């Protein structure tokens, strides 16, 4: 397990957040997902995986609880491998049966919701996150 992106800096930063429904049904879900991604060589060999706090909330104290899994990835990280790893992890969790138990994946300003394990839906998600998708649509 590398848990470090080569010897240089990361090429892309990804954030993976779980919906509130996960906290309600499976309080250990975020830590479980973090450990799952660390253990998945297809992910951890190409990304530094860490738990991170969310953005500061006005009026709140800093240094709150971990709210997301952050991946500092090199260009060789296959987004399909990351999405597949999440979908596989999701099937192992008791809270996965809730339709509200989703995750959001953000890459360079593009955010997608991971709400299904359907292969076609996952393929569309990966396509939406690829850099060429923005260039093609002009968005």
Protein backbone atom coordinates (compact mmCIF):
# COMPACT_ATOMS: atom_id res chain seq x y z
CA UNK A 1 0.00 0.00 0.00
CA UNK A 2 1.48 3.31 -1.10
CA UNK A 3 -0.80 5.85 0.60
CA UNK A 4 1.34 8.49 -1.02
CA UNK A 5 1.23 9.77 -4.55
CA UNK A 6 4.58 8.93 -6.08
CA UNK A 7 7.30 11.32 -5.02
CA UNK A 8 5.66 14.49 -6.33
CA UNK A 9 2.49 16.38 -5.70
CA UNK A 10 -0.98 15.13 -6.48
CA UNK A 11 -2.46 15.94 -9.87
CA UNK A 12 -6.06 15.96 -8.70
CA UNK A 13 -7.93 16.21 -5.41
CA UNK A 14 -11.11 14.20 -4.91
CA UNK A 15 -13.54 14.38 -2.01
CA UNK A 16 -15.97 11.65 -1.08
CA UNK A 17 -18.75 12.53 1.37
CA UNK A 18 -21.43 10.27 2.80
CA UNK A 19 -24.99 11.54 3.23
CA UNK A 20 -26.53 12.09 6.66
CA UNK A 21 -28.48 8.85 6.22
CA UNK A 22 -25.23 6.92 6.66
CA UNK A 23 -24.60 8.59 10.04
CA UNK A 24 -28.13 7.76 11.12
CA UNK A 25 -27.95 4.07 10.20
CA UNK A 26 -24.21 3.31 10.34
CA UNK A 27 -22.19 5.73 12.49
CA UNK A 28 -18.89 4.03 11.61
CA UNK A 29 -19.49 4.21 7.84
CA UNK A 30 -17.02 7.00 7.03
CA UNK A 31 -14.14 5.35 8.90
CA UNK A 32 -15.05 2.01 7.32
CA UNK A 33 -15.00 3.55 3.82
CA UNK A 34 -11.65 5.20 4.54
CA UNK A 35 -10.11 1.90 5.66
CA UNK A 36 -11.69 0.11 2.67
CA UNK A 37 -10.12 2.55 0.20
CA UNK A 38 -6.74 2.29 1.95
CA UNK A 39 -6.90 -1.48 1.59
CA UNK A 40 -7.91 -1.36 -2.10
CA UNK A 41 -4.62 -1.39 -4.03
CA UNK A 42 -6.27 -0.10 -7.20
CA UNK A 43 -7.01 3.10 -5.26
CA UNK A 44 -4.27 3.40 -2.65
CA UNK A 45 -1.38 2.83 -5.07
CA UNK A 46 -2.37 5.97 -6.95
CA UNK A 47 -3.80 8.21 -4.24
CA UNK A 48 -3.04 9.40 -0.77
CA UNK A 49 -6.22 8.59 1.15
CA UNK A 50 -7.08 10.57 4.28
CA UNK A 51 -9.95 11.57 6.51
CA UNK A 52 -10.61 15.31 6.51
CA UNK A 53 -12.86 17.87 8.14
CA UNK A 54 -15.35 19.64 5.93
CA UNK A 55 -15.14 23.31 5.06
CA UNK A 56 -15.43 25.74 7.98
CA UNK A 57 -18.93 26.67 9.02
CA UNK A 58 -19.46 30.31 10.08
CA UNK A 59 -19.84 30.55 13.84
CA UNK A 60 -18.60 27.00 14.46
CA UNK A 61 -15.39 26.04 16.17
CA UNK A 62 -12.66 24.74 13.90
CA UNK A 63 -11.29 21.23 14.19
CA UNK A 64 -14.57 19.35 14.13
CA UNK A 65 -15.15 15.71 13.37
CA UNK A 66 -14.03 14.09 10.15
CA UNK A 67 -16.65 14.62 7.46
CA UNK A 68 -15.14 13.26 4.26
CA UNK A 69 -12.55 11.02 2.67
CA UNK A 70 -10.03 13.00 0.67
CA UNK A 71 -7.93 11.49 -2.10
CA UNK A 72 -4.88 13.28 -3.46
CA UNK A 73 -4.45 11.30 -6.65
CA UNK A 74 -1.97 11.06 -9.47
CA UNK A 75 -3.19 10.92 -13.05
CA UNK A 76 -2.98 7.13 -13.16
CA UNK A 77 -5.85 6.70 -10.66
CA UNK A 78 -8.69 5.18 -12.61
CA UNK A 79 -11.93 6.84 -11.56
CA UNK A 80 -13.74 3.63 -12.46
CA UNK A 81 -11.67 1.76 -9.87
CA UNK A 82 -12.58 4.33 -7.20
CA UNK A 83 -16.30 4.25 -8.04
CA UNK A 84 -16.28 0.43 -8.18
CA UNK A 85 -14.49 0.28 -4.84
CA UNK A 86 -17.16 2.52 -3.29
CA UNK A 87 -19.96 0.40 -4.80
CA UNK A 88 -18.35 -2.80 -3.50
CA UNK A 89 -17.90 -1.28 -0.02
CA UNK A 90 -21.51 -0.08 -0.07
CA UNK A 91 -22.76 -3.65 -0.54
CA UNK A 92 -20.99 -4.66 2.70
CA UNK A 93 -22.70 -2.04 4.87
CA UNK A 94 -25.98 -2.48 6.73
CA UNK A 95 -27.12 1.09 5.91
CA UNK A 96 -26.86 0.54 2.15
CA UNK A 97 -30.51 -0.51 1.88
CA UNK A 98 -31.69 3.05 2.54
CA UNK A 99 -32.23 5.01 -0.70
CA UNK A 100 -31.03 8.12 1.16
CA UNK A 101 -27.67 6.44 1.92
CA UNK A 102 -25.70 8.09 -0.86
CA UNK A 103 -22.28 9.60 -1.34
CA UNK A 104 -21.10 12.60 -3.29
CA UNK A 105 -17.83 12.54 -5.17
CA UNK A 106 -16.26 15.86 -6.12
CA UNK A 107 -13.44 16.31 -8.60
CA UNK A 108 -12.24 19.73 -9.73
CA UNK A 109 -15.59 21.41 -9.14
CA UNK A 110 -17.69 18.60 -10.63
CA UNK A 111 -19.88 16.79 -8.09
CA UNK A 112 -21.80 13.57 -8.73
CA UNK A 113 -24.05 11.54 -6.46
CA UNK A 114 -23.28 7.85 -6.00
CA UNK A 115 -26.69 6.38 -5.27
CA UNK A 116 -26.69 3.13 -7.20
CA UNK A 117 -24.67 0.01 -7.75
CA UNK A 118 -26.04 -0.32 -11.29
CA UNK A 119 -23.10 -0.74 -13.71
CA UNK A 120 -24.63 1.60 -16.31
CA UNK A 121 -25.22 4.33 -13.71
CA UNK A 122 -21.65 3.92 -12.45
CA UNK A 123 -20.30 4.20 -16.01
CA UNK A 124 -22.22 7.49 -16.48
CA UNK A 125 -20.78 8.79 -13.21
CA UNK A 126 -17.23 7.98 -14.25
CA UNK A 127 -17.80 9.63 -17.63
CA UNK A 128 -19.12 12.77 -15.93
CA UNK A 129 -15.97 13.02 -13.81
CA UNK A 130 -13.47 12.53 -16.60
CA UNK A 131 -11.73 15.77 -17.61
CA UNK A 132 -12.75 15.32 -21.25
CA UNK A 133 -16.45 15.38 -20.30
CA UNK A 134 -16.23 19.06 -19.38
CA UNK A 135 -14.31 19.85 -22.55
CA UNK A 136 -16.88 18.07 -24.72
CA UNK A 137 -19.95 19.69 -23.14
CA UNK A 138 -18.30 23.07 -22.68
CA UNK A 139 -19.52 23.31 -19.09
